[in-house]
């Protein structure tokens, strides 16, 4: 598969009251983005939806992890690695309990911040198969709780109706794939599917 359309990510730098805060499509990787009002409809057509302002007390996001990072995961062989990002208004002192949705649970204290990174808590986990998982996070001491859907088999997103060419010869896709870097060959993808570059944040509409 090759790329037909590249939609550059919009930076959160220079945020003003006129920008709209959006969250990635349910189940898809990525973090909130701030979008000018005239761009909101285009992002919503990709499956993004409006986020609360200010942010919730605890918000979760996830992203795929490069293969080089799987060494940090116990028993990395054959796993599909993801990084969970926990964003809170204030760094909590409480323990963090993470139910990864695959029968495993992690409890960590203190706050799992990455060295030299932002204030987000960051945890790595490896999954054995590509399917949907719901991660649930709770902070002890009557702290907030939140959940996030992780779709490792591809994120379904809404796509505007498009009349295919008469010589199309195949069905138009509407699934969401992701990876590290621009798309090259994506197993199972069909024309019309979307792809998110987890490194640059760029979106691609795929064609033959």
N, C-alpha and C. Protein backbone atom coordinates (compact mmCIF):
# COMPACT_ATOMS: atom_id res chain seq x y z
N UNK A 1 0.84 -1.19 0.00
CA UNK A 1 0.00 0.00 0.00
C UNK A 1 0.88 1.24 0.00
N UNK A 2 0.44 2.27 -0.69
CA UNK A 2 1.15 3.54 -0.68
C UNK A 2 0.20 4.64 -0.26
N UNK A 3 0.73 5.82 0.05
CA UNK A 3 -0.09 6.89 0.57
C UNK A 3 -0.63 7.76 -0.55
N UNK A 4 -1.88 8.17 -0.41
CA UNK A 4 -2.50 9.09 -1.37
C UNK A 4 -2.60 10.48 -0.78
N UNK A 5 -2.98 10.57 0.47
CA UNK A 5 -3.22 11.86 1.10
C UNK A 5 -2.53 11.89 2.44
N UNK A 6 -1.77 12.92 2.69
CA UNK A 6 -1.11 13.08 3.98
C UNK A 6 -1.70 14.29 4.67
N UNK A 7 -2.22 14.09 5.87
CA UNK A 7 -2.77 15.18 6.66
C UNK A 7 -1.83 15.46 7.82
N UNK A 8 -1.10 16.57 7.81
CA UNK A 8 -0.11 16.81 8.87
C UNK A 8 -0.77 17.00 10.21
N UNK A 9 -0.09 16.53 11.23
CA UNK A 9 -0.57 16.73 12.59
C UNK A 9 -0.53 18.21 12.95
N UNK A 10 -1.41 18.63 13.83
CA UNK A 10 -1.47 20.02 14.26
C UNK A 10 -0.87 20.13 15.64
N UNK A 11 0.10 21.00 15.81
CA UNK A 11 0.81 21.12 17.08
C UNK A 11 -0.05 21.83 18.11
N UNK A 12 0.22 21.54 19.38
CA UNK A 12 -0.48 22.23 20.46
C UNK A 12 0.22 23.52 20.86
N UNK A 13 1.32 23.87 20.17
CA UNK A 13 2.02 25.11 20.51
C UNK A 13 1.16 26.30 20.14
N UNK A 14 1.25 27.34 20.93
CA UNK A 14 0.49 28.55 20.66
C UNK A 14 -1.00 28.39 20.86
N UNK A 15 -1.40 27.58 21.83
CA UNK A 15 -2.82 27.33 22.07
C UNK A 15 -3.52 28.64 22.48
N UNK A 16 -4.67 28.87 21.89
CA UNK A 16 -5.46 30.04 22.24
C UNK A 16 -6.89 29.60 22.50
N UNK A 17 -7.72 30.53 22.95
CA UNK A 17 -9.09 30.20 23.31
C UNK A 17 -9.90 29.77 22.08
N UNK A 18 -9.42 30.09 20.87
CA UNK A 18 -10.17 29.77 19.67
C UNK A 18 -9.98 28.33 19.21
N UNK A 19 -9.00 27.63 19.74
CA UNK A 19 -8.75 26.27 19.30
C UNK A 19 -9.67 25.28 20.00
N UNK A 20 -9.99 24.19 19.29
CA UNK A 20 -10.88 23.15 19.80
C UNK A 20 -10.05 21.93 20.16
N UNK A 21 -10.30 21.37 21.32
CA UNK A 21 -9.55 20.20 21.79
C UNK A 21 -10.27 18.93 21.34
N UNK A 22 -9.53 18.03 20.66
CA UNK A 22 -10.10 16.80 20.14
C UNK A 22 -9.32 15.59 20.66
N UNK A 23 -10.03 14.46 20.79
CA UNK A 23 -9.42 13.20 21.19
C UNK A 23 -9.40 12.25 20.00
N UNK A 24 -8.42 11.31 19.95
CA UNK A 24 -8.35 10.36 18.83
C UNK A 24 -9.58 9.47 18.78
N UNK A 25 -9.83 8.85 17.62
CA UNK A 25 -10.95 7.90 17.51
C UNK A 25 -10.84 6.81 18.58
N UNK A 26 -11.99 6.34 19.05
CA UNK A 26 -12.01 5.33 20.10
C UNK A 26 -11.21 4.11 19.67
N UNK A 27 -10.32 3.69 20.54
CA UNK A 27 -9.50 2.53 20.28
C UNK A 27 -8.20 2.81 19.57
N UNK A 28 -8.03 4.04 19.07
CA UNK A 28 -6.86 4.37 18.26
C UNK A 28 -5.77 5.05 19.09
N UNK A 29 -4.53 4.94 18.64
CA UNK A 29 -3.43 5.56 19.37
C UNK A 29 -3.43 7.07 19.19
N UNK A 30 -2.71 7.75 20.08
CA UNK A 30 -2.58 9.20 19.95
C UNK A 30 -3.02 9.91 21.21
N UNK A 31 -2.73 11.20 21.25
CA UNK A 31 -3.07 12.05 22.37
C UNK A 31 -3.96 13.20 21.89
N UNK A 32 -4.52 14.00 22.83
CA UNK A 32 -5.37 15.11 22.40
C UNK A 32 -4.62 16.08 21.49
N UNK A 33 -5.36 16.68 20.56
CA UNK A 33 -4.81 17.70 19.67
C UNK A 33 -5.69 18.94 19.76
N UNK A 34 -5.09 20.10 19.50
CA UNK A 34 -5.82 21.37 19.47
C UNK A 34 -5.93 21.81 18.01
N UNK A 35 -7.17 22.04 17.56
CA UNK A 35 -7.45 22.26 16.15
C UNK A 35 -8.20 23.57 15.96
N UNK A 36 -7.85 24.37 14.95
CA UNK A 36 -8.63 25.58 14.65
C UNK A 36 -10.06 25.21 14.28
N UNK A 37 -11.04 26.05 14.59
CA UNK A 37 -12.45 25.71 14.32
C UNK A 37 -12.72 25.30 12.88
N UNK A 38 -12.05 25.94 11.92
CA UNK A 38 -12.32 25.62 10.52
C UNK A 38 -11.78 24.25 10.11
N UNK A 39 -10.95 23.61 10.97
CA UNK A 39 -10.40 22.29 10.68
C UNK A 39 -11.12 21.17 11.43
N UNK A 40 -12.03 21.54 12.34
CA UNK A 40 -12.66 20.54 13.20
C UNK A 40 -13.41 19.49 12.39
N UNK A 41 -14.20 19.92 11.40
CA UNK A 41 -15.01 18.96 10.63
C UNK A 41 -14.12 17.92 9.95
N UNK A 42 -12.98 18.35 9.41
CA UNK A 42 -12.08 17.41 8.74
C UNK A 42 -11.56 16.36 9.71
N UNK A 43 -11.20 16.80 10.93
CA UNK A 43 -10.71 15.86 11.94
C UNK A 43 -11.85 14.95 12.41
N UNK A 44 -13.06 15.49 12.55
CA UNK A 44 -14.19 14.66 12.97
C UNK A 44 -14.51 13.60 11.92
N UNK A 45 -14.29 13.91 10.66
CA UNK A 45 -14.51 12.92 9.60
C UNK A 45 -13.52 11.77 9.69
N UNK A 46 -12.39 12.00 10.33
CA UNK A 46 -11.43 10.93 10.57
C UNK A 46 -11.73 10.15 11.84
N UNK A 47 -12.76 10.56 12.57
CA UNK A 47 -13.15 9.84 13.77
C UNK A 47 -12.80 10.53 15.07
N UNK A 48 -12.08 11.67 15.02
CA UNK A 48 -11.78 12.40 16.25
C UNK A 48 -13.07 12.98 16.82
N UNK A 49 -13.08 13.21 18.13
CA UNK A 49 -14.27 13.76 18.77
C UNK A 49 -13.86 14.78 19.82
N UNK A 50 -14.78 15.65 20.18
CA UNK A 50 -14.47 16.79 21.06
C UNK A 50 -14.18 16.32 22.48
N UNK A 51 -13.16 16.92 23.06
CA UNK A 51 -12.72 16.58 24.40
C UNK A 51 -13.12 17.67 25.37
N UNK A 52 -13.29 17.33 26.65
CA UNK A 52 -13.64 18.36 27.64
C UNK A 52 -12.49 19.34 27.86
N UNK A 53 -12.84 20.58 28.16
CA UNK A 53 -11.87 21.61 28.54
C UNK A 53 -12.37 22.22 29.85
N UNK A 54 -11.58 22.16 30.92
CA UNK A 54 -10.26 21.55 31.00
C UNK A 54 -10.33 20.03 30.90
N UNK A 55 -9.16 19.41 30.79
CA UNK A 55 -9.09 17.96 30.68
C UNK A 55 -9.64 17.30 31.95
N UNK A 56 -10.05 16.06 31.79
CA UNK A 56 -10.52 15.31 32.95
C UNK A 56 -9.38 15.16 33.97
N UNK A 57 -9.74 14.87 35.22
CA UNK A 57 -8.74 14.73 36.27
C UNK A 57 -7.71 13.66 35.91
N UNK A 58 -8.17 12.57 35.26
CA UNK A 58 -7.29 11.51 34.80
C UNK A 58 -7.69 11.15 33.38
N UNK A 59 -6.76 11.30 32.44
CA UNK A 59 -6.99 10.92 31.05
C UNK A 59 -5.94 9.90 30.63
N UNK A 60 -6.38 8.94 29.81
CA UNK A 60 -5.49 7.89 29.33
C UNK A 60 -5.34 7.97 27.82
N UNK A 61 -4.17 7.63 27.35
CA UNK A 61 -3.91 7.52 25.92
C UNK A 61 -2.91 6.39 25.73
N UNK A 62 -2.75 5.94 24.49
CA UNK A 62 -1.79 4.87 24.24
C UNK A 62 -1.15 5.08 22.88
N UNK A 63 -0.01 4.42 22.71
CA UNK A 63 0.68 4.48 21.43
C UNK A 63 1.47 3.19 21.24
N UNK A 64 1.67 2.79 19.98
CA UNK A 64 2.50 1.61 19.74
C UNK A 64 3.94 1.88 20.11
N UNK A 65 4.65 0.82 20.45
CA UNK A 65 6.05 0.95 20.87
C UNK A 65 6.93 0.27 19.84
N UNK A 66 8.04 0.91 19.51
CA UNK A 66 8.99 0.34 18.56
C UNK A 66 9.54 -0.98 19.09
N UNK A 67 9.92 -1.85 18.17
CA UNK A 67 10.41 -3.17 18.56
C UNK A 67 11.62 -3.08 19.48
N UNK A 68 12.40 -2.03 19.34
CA UNK A 68 13.60 -1.90 20.18
C UNK A 68 13.27 -1.68 21.64
N UNK A 69 12.03 -1.28 21.92
CA UNK A 69 11.64 -1.02 23.31
C UNK A 69 11.09 -2.25 24.00
N UNK A 70 10.84 -3.33 23.26
CA UNK A 70 10.22 -4.50 23.89
C UNK A 70 11.15 -5.19 24.88
N UNK A 71 12.43 -4.89 24.83
CA UNK A 71 13.36 -5.50 25.78
C UNK A 71 13.03 -5.10 27.21
N UNK A 72 12.32 -3.97 27.37
CA UNK A 72 11.95 -3.52 28.71
C UNK A 72 10.73 -4.25 29.25
N UNK A 73 10.12 -5.10 28.44
CA UNK A 73 8.92 -5.83 28.84
C UNK A 73 9.31 -7.25 29.22
N UNK A 74 8.74 -7.74 30.32
CA UNK A 74 9.01 -9.12 30.72
C UNK A 74 8.50 -10.08 29.65
N UNK A 75 9.32 -11.05 29.29
CA UNK A 75 8.98 -12.04 28.28
C UNK A 75 8.55 -11.36 26.97
N UNK A 76 9.45 -10.60 26.32
CA UNK A 76 9.07 -9.81 25.15
C UNK A 76 8.82 -10.62 23.89
N UNK A 77 9.26 -11.86 23.83
CA UNK A 77 9.16 -12.64 22.59
C UNK A 77 7.70 -12.77 22.14
N UNK A 78 7.43 -12.38 20.90
CA UNK A 78 6.10 -12.54 20.32
C UNK A 78 5.06 -11.57 20.83
N UNK A 79 5.46 -10.57 21.62
CA UNK A 79 4.48 -9.65 22.16
C UNK A 79 4.28 -8.44 21.25
N UNK A 80 3.13 -7.81 21.38
CA UNK A 80 2.81 -6.57 20.69
C UNK A 80 2.85 -5.48 21.75
N UNK A 81 3.86 -4.64 21.69
CA UNK A 81 4.12 -3.70 22.78
C UNK A 81 3.36 -2.40 22.59
N UNK A 82 2.83 -1.88 23.70
CA UNK A 82 2.18 -0.57 23.71
C UNK A 82 2.69 0.21 24.91
N UNK A 83 2.59 1.52 24.81
CA UNK A 83 2.90 2.40 25.93
C UNK A 83 1.62 3.09 26.37
N UNK A 84 1.31 2.99 27.64
CA UNK A 84 0.14 3.66 28.21
C UNK A 84 0.58 4.98 28.81
N UNK A 85 -0.12 6.06 28.48
CA UNK A 85 0.17 7.38 29.00
C UNK A 85 -0.95 7.80 29.95
N UNK A 86 -0.58 8.14 31.17
CA UNK A 86 -1.53 8.57 32.19
C UNK A 86 -1.30 10.06 32.44
N UNK A 87 -2.30 10.86 32.14
CA UNK A 87 -2.18 12.30 32.29
C UNK A 87 -3.14 12.77 33.39
N UNK A 88 -2.59 13.36 34.45
CA UNK A 88 -3.42 13.89 35.53
C UNK A 88 -3.13 15.37 35.70
N UNK A 89 -4.07 16.07 36.33
CA UNK A 89 -3.87 17.51 36.57
C UNK A 89 -2.72 17.74 37.53
N UNK A 90 -2.55 16.84 38.47
CA UNK A 90 -1.46 16.94 39.44
C UNK A 90 -0.85 15.56 39.61
N UNK A 91 0.46 15.49 39.73
CA UNK A 91 1.12 14.20 39.93
C UNK A 91 0.68 13.61 41.27
N UNK A 92 0.02 12.46 41.24
CA UNK A 92 -0.52 11.90 42.49
C UNK A 92 0.56 11.19 43.31
N UNK A 93 0.32 11.11 44.60
CA UNK A 93 1.20 10.36 45.49
C UNK A 93 0.70 8.93 45.67
N UNK A 94 -0.52 8.67 45.20
CA UNK A 94 -1.14 7.36 45.41
C UNK A 94 -0.56 6.32 44.45
N UNK A 95 -0.77 5.05 44.81
CA UNK A 95 -0.39 3.95 43.93
C UNK A 95 -1.30 3.92 42.71
N UNK A 96 -0.76 3.43 41.61
CA UNK A 96 -1.51 3.32 40.36
C UNK A 96 -1.76 1.84 40.09
N UNK A 97 -3.03 1.45 39.92
CA UNK A 97 -3.38 0.08 39.59
C UNK A 97 -3.89 0.04 38.15
N UNK A 98 -3.24 -0.77 37.32
CA UNK A 98 -3.59 -0.87 35.91
C UNK A 98 -4.06 -2.29 35.60
N UNK A 99 -5.30 -2.41 35.16
CA UNK A 99 -5.83 -3.66 34.63
C UNK A 99 -5.68 -3.59 33.11
N UNK A 100 -4.79 -4.39 32.55
CA UNK A 100 -4.45 -4.28 31.13
C UNK A 100 -5.50 -4.92 30.21
N UNK A 101 -6.51 -5.56 30.75
CA UNK A 101 -7.57 -6.12 29.93
C UNK A 101 -7.27 -7.49 29.36
N UNK A 102 -6.09 -8.05 29.68
CA UNK A 102 -5.75 -9.38 29.19
C UNK A 102 -5.50 -10.36 30.33
N UNK A 103 -6.02 -10.00 31.52
CA UNK A 103 -5.85 -10.87 32.68
C UNK A 103 -4.67 -10.51 33.55
N UNK A 104 -3.90 -9.49 33.18
CA UNK A 104 -2.76 -9.08 34.00
C UNK A 104 -3.03 -7.71 34.60
N UNK A 105 -2.43 -7.50 35.77
CA UNK A 105 -2.60 -6.24 36.51
C UNK A 105 -1.22 -5.76 36.97
N UNK A 106 -1.03 -4.46 36.93
CA UNK A 106 0.20 -3.83 37.40
C UNK A 106 -0.14 -2.83 38.49
N UNK A 107 0.59 -2.87 39.58
CA UNK A 107 0.46 -1.85 40.64
C UNK A 107 1.81 -1.19 40.79
N UNK A 108 1.84 0.14 40.67
CA UNK A 108 3.12 0.85 40.72
C UNK A 108 3.05 2.06 41.65
N UNK A 109 4.11 2.27 42.37
CA UNK A 109 4.28 3.43 43.24
C UNK A 109 5.80 3.64 43.38
N UNK A 110 6.33 4.82 43.14
CA UNK A 110 5.63 6.08 42.91
C UNK A 110 5.11 6.21 41.47
N UNK A 111 4.72 7.43 41.13
CA UNK A 111 4.19 7.75 39.81
C UNK A 111 5.18 7.32 38.72
N UNK A 112 4.71 6.56 37.71
CA UNK A 112 5.65 6.00 36.72
C UNK A 112 6.03 6.97 35.61
N UNK A 113 6.75 8.03 35.96
CA UNK A 113 7.15 9.03 34.97
C UNK A 113 8.42 8.57 34.26
N UNK A 114 8.52 8.89 32.96
CA UNK A 114 9.71 8.54 32.19
C UNK A 114 10.83 9.54 32.47
N UNK A 115 12.05 9.05 32.51
CA UNK A 115 13.20 9.92 32.74
C UNK A 115 13.32 10.94 31.61
N UNK A 116 13.40 12.22 31.98
CA UNK A 116 13.59 13.26 30.99
C UNK A 116 12.38 13.53 30.11
N UNK A 117 11.25 12.89 30.41
CA UNK A 117 10.07 13.07 29.58
C UNK A 117 9.14 14.13 30.13
N UNK A 118 7.88 14.11 29.69
CA UNK A 118 6.90 15.06 30.18
C UNK A 118 6.35 14.57 31.52
N UNK A 119 5.28 15.22 31.99
CA UNK A 119 4.72 14.87 33.30
C UNK A 119 3.79 13.66 33.24
N UNK A 120 3.54 13.14 32.05
CA UNK A 120 2.67 11.98 31.94
C UNK A 120 3.30 10.76 32.61
N UNK A 121 2.45 9.94 33.24
CA UNK A 121 2.92 8.64 33.68
C UNK A 121 3.01 7.73 32.47
N UNK A 122 4.01 6.88 32.41
CA UNK A 122 4.22 6.02 31.24
C UNK A 122 4.53 4.60 31.69
N UNK A 123 3.78 3.65 31.13
CA UNK A 123 3.98 2.24 31.44
C UNK A 123 3.97 1.43 30.15
N UNK A 124 4.86 0.44 30.05
CA UNK A 124 4.91 -0.44 28.90
C UNK A 124 4.20 -1.75 29.21
N UNK A 125 3.59 -2.34 28.17
CA UNK A 125 2.94 -3.64 28.33
C UNK A 125 2.98 -4.36 26.99
N UNK A 126 3.06 -5.69 27.04
CA UNK A 126 3.06 -6.50 25.83
C UNK A 126 1.83 -7.39 25.77
N UNK A 127 1.16 -7.40 24.61
CA UNK A 127 -0.01 -8.24 24.40
C UNK A 127 0.36 -9.42 23.50
N UNK A 128 -0.33 -10.53 23.67
CA UNK A 128 -0.01 -11.75 22.94
C UNK A 128 -0.72 -11.82 21.59
N UNK A 129 -1.81 -11.07 21.39
CA UNK A 129 -2.55 -11.16 20.13
C UNK A 129 -3.13 -9.80 19.77
N UNK A 130 -3.46 -9.65 18.49
CA UNK A 130 -4.02 -8.39 17.99
C UNK A 130 -5.55 -8.45 18.06
N UNK A 131 -6.08 -7.84 19.09
CA UNK A 131 -7.53 -7.71 19.25
C UNK A 131 -7.79 -6.49 20.12
N UNK A 132 -9.04 -6.28 20.51
CA UNK A 132 -9.39 -5.13 21.34
C UNK A 132 -9.18 -5.45 22.82
N UNK A 133 -8.61 -4.49 23.54
CA UNK A 133 -8.44 -4.59 24.98
C UNK A 133 -8.92 -3.30 25.62
N UNK A 134 -9.54 -3.40 26.79
CA UNK A 134 -9.92 -2.22 27.55
C UNK A 134 -9.02 -2.13 28.78
N UNK A 135 -8.22 -1.07 28.83
CA UNK A 135 -7.32 -0.84 29.97
C UNK A 135 -8.05 0.02 30.98
N UNK A 136 -8.01 -0.40 32.24
CA UNK A 136 -8.64 0.37 33.33
C UNK A 136 -7.57 0.77 34.34
N UNK A 137 -7.59 2.03 34.72
CA UNK A 137 -6.60 2.58 35.65
C UNK A 137 -7.32 3.21 36.82
N UNK A 138 -6.84 2.95 38.03
CA UNK A 138 -7.40 3.55 39.24
C UNK A 138 -6.27 4.01 40.13
N UNK A 139 -6.44 5.17 40.76
CA UNK A 139 -5.49 5.66 41.74
C UNK A 139 -6.03 5.35 43.11
N UNK A 140 -5.19 4.82 44.00
CA UNK A 140 -5.64 4.44 45.33
C UNK A 140 -6.00 5.67 46.15
N UNK A 141 -6.60 5.42 47.32
CA UNK A 141 -6.98 6.53 48.19
C UNK A 141 -8.15 7.33 47.67
N UNK A 142 -9.16 6.65 47.12
CA UNK A 142 -10.34 7.31 46.55
C UNK A 142 -9.97 8.25 45.41
N UNK A 143 -8.90 7.92 44.71
CA UNK A 143 -8.48 8.73 43.57
C UNK A 143 -9.34 8.46 42.34
N UNK A 144 -9.13 9.22 41.27
CA UNK A 144 -9.93 9.05 40.06
C UNK A 144 -9.62 7.73 39.35
N UNK A 145 -10.52 7.32 38.48
CA UNK A 145 -10.34 6.13 37.67
C UNK A 145 -10.71 6.49 36.23
N UNK A 146 -10.15 5.76 35.27
CA UNK A 146 -10.43 6.00 33.86
C UNK A 146 -10.16 4.73 33.09
N UNK A 147 -10.66 4.67 31.86
CA UNK A 147 -10.41 3.52 31.00
C UNK A 147 -10.16 3.99 29.57
N UNK A 148 -9.49 3.14 28.79
CA UNK A 148 -9.23 3.46 27.39
C UNK A 148 -9.27 2.17 26.59
N UNK A 149 -9.85 2.25 25.38
CA UNK A 149 -9.92 1.10 24.48
C UNK A 149 -8.66 1.07 23.61
N UNK A 150 -8.04 -0.11 23.52
CA UNK A 150 -6.86 -0.31 22.68
C UNK A 150 -7.23 -1.31 21.60
N UNK A 151 -7.27 -0.86 20.35
CA UNK A 151 -7.63 -1.73 19.23
C UNK A 151 -6.37 -2.08 18.46
N UNK A 152 -5.81 -3.24 18.74
CA UNK A 152 -4.58 -3.65 18.08
C UNK A 152 -4.81 -4.30 16.73
N UNK A 153 -6.05 -4.67 16.44
CA UNK A 153 -6.36 -5.28 15.15
C UNK A 153 -6.65 -4.23 14.07
N UNK A 154 -6.60 -2.95 14.42
CA UNK A 154 -6.98 -1.88 13.50
C UNK A 154 -8.15 -1.13 14.07
N UNK A 155 -8.11 0.18 13.98
CA UNK A 155 -9.14 1.01 14.60
C UNK A 155 -10.21 1.36 13.59
N UNK A 156 -11.45 0.93 13.80
CA UNK A 156 -12.51 1.33 12.89
C UNK A 156 -12.85 2.80 13.10
N UNK A 157 -12.91 3.57 12.04
CA UNK A 157 -13.27 4.98 12.14
C UNK A 157 -14.33 5.30 11.11
N UNK A 158 -15.06 6.37 11.36
CA UNK A 158 -16.09 6.80 10.42
C UNK A 158 -15.44 7.38 9.19
N UNK A 159 -16.02 7.12 8.02
CA UNK A 159 -15.48 7.61 6.76
C UNK A 159 -16.63 8.15 5.92
N UNK A 160 -16.50 9.36 5.35
CA UNK A 160 -17.58 9.89 4.51
C UNK A 160 -17.87 8.97 3.35
N UNK A 161 -19.14 8.97 2.92
CA UNK A 161 -19.52 8.15 1.77
C UNK A 161 -18.80 8.66 0.53
N UNK A 162 -18.15 7.75 -0.18
CA UNK A 162 -17.45 8.09 -1.42
C UNK A 162 -17.91 7.12 -2.50
N UNK A 163 -18.28 7.64 -3.67
CA UNK A 163 -18.67 6.78 -4.78
C UNK A 163 -17.43 6.26 -5.45
N UNK A 164 -17.18 4.94 -5.39
CA UNK A 164 -15.93 4.40 -5.98
C UNK A 164 -15.97 4.48 -7.50
N UNK A 165 -14.81 4.56 -8.15
CA UNK A 165 -14.76 4.54 -9.61
C UNK A 165 -15.37 3.25 -10.14
N UNK A 166 -15.87 3.28 -11.38
CA UNK A 166 -16.52 2.10 -11.94
C UNK A 166 -15.55 0.94 -12.11
N UNK A 167 -14.25 1.23 -12.25
CA UNK A 167 -13.28 0.16 -12.41
C UNK A 167 -12.54 -0.15 -11.12
N UNK A 168 -13.18 0.17 -10.00
CA UNK A 168 -12.51 0.02 -8.70
C UNK A 168 -12.07 -1.43 -8.48
N UNK A 169 -13.00 -2.38 -8.73
CA UNK A 169 -12.63 -3.78 -8.62
C UNK A 169 -12.51 -4.30 -7.20
N UNK A 170 -12.82 -3.49 -6.20
CA UNK A 170 -12.71 -3.93 -4.81
C UNK A 170 -13.49 -3.01 -3.91
N UNK A 171 -13.64 -3.40 -2.67
CA UNK A 171 -14.42 -2.59 -1.74
C UNK A 171 -13.56 -1.51 -1.11
N UNK A 172 -14.21 -0.42 -0.73
CA UNK A 172 -13.50 0.68 -0.08
C UNK A 172 -13.37 0.39 1.40
N UNK A 173 -12.21 0.65 1.96
CA UNK A 173 -11.98 0.34 3.36
C UNK A 173 -12.38 1.46 4.28
N UNK A 174 -12.37 1.18 5.56
CA UNK A 174 -12.67 2.19 6.56
C UNK A 174 -11.99 1.88 7.88
N UNK A 175 -10.94 1.06 7.83
CA UNK A 175 -10.25 0.69 9.07
C UNK A 175 -9.04 1.59 9.29
N UNK A 176 -8.56 1.53 10.53
CA UNK A 176 -7.44 2.37 10.96
C UNK A 176 -6.27 1.47 11.31
N UNK A 177 -5.11 1.72 10.67
CA UNK A 177 -3.89 1.00 11.00
C UNK A 177 -2.87 1.99 11.54
N UNK A 178 -1.85 1.49 12.21
CA UNK A 178 -0.82 2.37 12.74
C UNK A 178 0.52 1.66 12.74
N UNK A 179 1.57 2.45 12.82
CA UNK A 179 2.91 1.90 12.87
C UNK A 179 3.92 3.01 13.07
N UNK A 180 5.17 2.65 13.12
CA UNK A 180 6.25 3.61 13.31
C UNK A 180 6.83 3.99 11.95
N UNK A 181 6.52 5.20 11.49
CA UNK A 181 6.99 5.65 10.18
C UNK A 181 5.89 5.58 9.14
N UNK A 182 6.15 6.13 7.94
CA UNK A 182 5.15 6.13 6.86
C UNK A 182 4.78 4.71 6.44
N UNK A 183 3.58 4.52 5.86
CA UNK A 183 3.16 3.18 5.45
C UNK A 183 3.97 2.70 4.24
N UNK A 184 4.31 1.42 4.25
CA UNK A 184 5.01 0.81 3.11
C UNK A 184 4.16 -0.35 2.61
N UNK A 185 4.18 -1.46 3.35
CA UNK A 185 3.30 -2.59 3.04
C UNK A 185 2.51 -2.92 4.29
N UNK A 186 1.19 -2.89 4.19
CA UNK A 186 0.33 -3.12 5.36
C UNK A 186 -0.54 -4.33 5.08
N UNK A 187 -0.27 -5.41 5.77
CA UNK A 187 -1.01 -6.65 5.58
C UNK A 187 -2.48 -6.46 5.96
N UNK A 188 -3.37 -6.83 5.06
CA UNK A 188 -4.80 -6.78 5.33
C UNK A 188 -5.46 -5.47 5.00
N UNK A 189 -4.70 -4.43 4.67
CA UNK A 189 -5.28 -3.13 4.35
C UNK A 189 -5.83 -3.13 2.93
N UNK A 190 -6.89 -2.34 2.72
CA UNK A 190 -7.48 -2.18 1.40
C UNK A 190 -7.59 -0.69 1.08
N UNK A 191 -7.75 -0.34 -0.19
CA UNK A 191 -7.89 1.08 -0.53
C UNK A 191 -9.01 1.75 0.26
N UNK A 192 -8.70 2.92 0.80
CA UNK A 192 -9.69 3.63 1.62
C UNK A 192 -9.44 3.51 3.10
N UNK A 193 -8.56 2.59 3.51
CA UNK A 193 -8.21 2.50 4.93
C UNK A 193 -7.31 3.67 5.32
N UNK A 194 -7.26 3.94 6.62
CA UNK A 194 -6.43 5.02 7.14
C UNK A 194 -5.23 4.46 7.89
N UNK A 195 -4.19 5.26 7.95
CA UNK A 195 -2.96 4.85 8.63
C UNK A 195 -2.42 6.03 9.43
N UNK A 196 -2.01 5.77 10.68
CA UNK A 196 -1.41 6.79 11.53
C UNK A 196 0.05 6.45 11.77
N UNK A 197 0.93 7.39 11.42
CA UNK A 197 2.35 7.27 11.72
C UNK A 197 2.54 7.67 13.18
N UNK A 198 2.85 6.69 14.05
CA UNK A 198 2.96 6.96 15.48
C UNK A 198 4.15 7.82 15.85
N UNK A 199 5.10 8.01 14.93
CA UNK A 199 6.26 8.84 15.23
C UNK A 199 6.00 10.30 14.90
N UNK A 200 5.51 10.57 13.69
CA UNK A 200 5.29 11.96 13.27
C UNK A 200 3.88 12.45 13.57
N UNK A 201 2.92 11.53 13.77
CA UNK A 201 1.53 11.92 13.98
C UNK A 201 0.80 12.18 12.68
N UNK A 202 1.41 11.90 11.52
CA UNK A 202 0.78 12.16 10.22
C UNK A 202 -0.24 11.06 9.89
N UNK A 203 -1.33 11.46 9.21
CA UNK A 203 -2.36 10.53 8.75
C UNK A 203 -2.21 10.27 7.27
N UNK A 204 -2.56 9.06 6.85
CA UNK A 204 -2.50 8.70 5.44
C UNK A 204 -3.80 8.02 5.05
N UNK A 205 -4.30 8.33 3.84
CA UNK A 205 -5.40 7.58 3.24
C UNK A 205 -4.77 6.63 2.23
N UNK A 206 -5.01 5.33 2.37
CA UNK A 206 -4.29 4.33 1.59
C UNK A 206 -4.99 4.01 0.28
N UNK A 207 -4.18 3.74 -0.74
CA UNK A 207 -4.69 3.27 -2.01
C UNK A 207 -3.73 2.22 -2.55
N UNK A 208 -4.06 1.59 -3.69
CA UNK A 208 -3.16 0.59 -4.28
C UNK A 208 -1.83 1.24 -4.66
